[in-house]
Amino acid sequence: MLETYSGTADPSLARVVFLWAVSRGLQAVRMDVSTAFLQAPIKDAVWLRLPSNLPVEVYPGLHVGVFIRIQKAVYGLKDAPKVYTSYFKKKVRSLGWIEISESILVRKNRKGEPVALLVMHVDDLFLFSPSADEDVKGIQGLFDNDKPEKMDNGELHLYVGMSIRMRLGEILLDQSSYIQGMSEGVSEKARKPLTEKDLLLPEEKDVDLSLQAEQQKNVGYLGWAVKTQPSLSFLFSHLSRSNSHLSRSSVLATEKALWHARETARPLRLSSVSSIPCLLVWRDASYELAKKEGRLGIEIQLVDESEIANLEKINEDNTVFWLSKKLARKLGSTTSAELLAMHDAVKSSWSIAHLVRKLWGKMLPVVVVTDLQPLMFQLSSKQCKSEPRMQGELEYVLENLAELGAKVKWVQSGSMRADRQTKFLHCS
């Protein structure tokens, strides 16, 4: 079987390692591997029949119809990305770089502590190090690279489709230019505030499948903006559902969402934490009794443990994960929806917790936040008396909370950060 999949770093985990690098005060450099695929040899025998339009005068001895064996992972081969990324990781291991998560590599000191970081996006490398020039030279000794770009000088730089501004103690992930551009083509009618009425799914009689391309283009724009804008996550999730219920009103809603993004967008700020951070997990759910349907929302931050004493005053800095998702199963109550939100929240916490332990060297404290007293009662009593069919979900949550060493804290509904992932909030 031919392996073609070549992974990239999970965006939420990339934000975690960026925060670690900022907290360490590391230097930062971006670099491209030149014609990356052509630098990776292939083991399998791949033969190519030369095409009829080949300029044979450039290659003496070759002529139309000749078969040649390919020596490198040339562009166009389906497994070229996989071949290259595997080859790159194997080669840089000789320099001490070890992969700790998909496409995230670290270099350790003699004590076994991570001291430098390398994030791969195929041939695009983002390197953080106390001695960046030395690490760059090491990689240049193995691969041909374009001229490195210093990233920690406070200026705006481009990295895999987003702008990054890095300065002492913080890194700003900014998509303002992209968001401005994606909203320029919206109609005058769409340049008005988005309302809850705009988000209603159209009636069957209004469906117009000819609008599919326009609808999907707008939703695609929104999906890319969500990578730095947690407040747009609900809109993206909700409007994606209308891709099968296309109408003039649904297209207008996506245009209004793009204009809303333009008006509300701001950089995502990752600021230095002083010690082992605390994993702060906000989770919430909404519930429609008439349809027996729910939606969950999750936001996860890495904050200083001292901030936990006053949850209401914690700002949005260091938000590394967010999710808005329609629950697939029918539910009997708000508490059931909240319990499923808790289930997904603790499940989503593990990958971040494991990565933090590898970087900071210790298991971090975890705090999960809820605004529902009935759920607090279920957690303390360890029973779902009103809905016994949810007992298995409760036991899963309790087991994972215990393994994470997590504490559950209650806040008033008005202070629940994840609320914006379950419904449209005009102030987001």
Foldseek 3Di string as FASTA:
>chain_A
DADQDADFDDQLVVLLVVLLLLQVVWWKKKWFFPQQQQLFFDDDWDKDFDDQPDPCVVPPPDHHGDIDTDGTLHPPDRRSLVRRVVRLQVVCVVVQWDDPDRQKTFHADPVLAGAKIWGDDRRMIMITHNCVVVSVVVSVVRTPIDDMDGQAPQDWDDDPQWIWGHYRFKIWTHDLVLLVVLLPPFDPVLLDAQDPVLLDQDDQVQADLVCLVLLVVLLVSLVVLCSFPQLSQQVSQSLVVNSVRDHPSSSSNSSNSSSLCNVDDDIAMNGHANAQWEKEKFKAKDADQVQQWMKIKIWIATYHPVCVVPLLPDDRHRTSDIHIGTDDDRHNDRLLRRLVRLLVRLVVVVVVQSSSCSNRVDRHEYEYEDADPVNVVCLVVLADVVDRVCSVSSVSSNVSCVVSVYHYYYDHPVRRPRPSSGDPDSVD
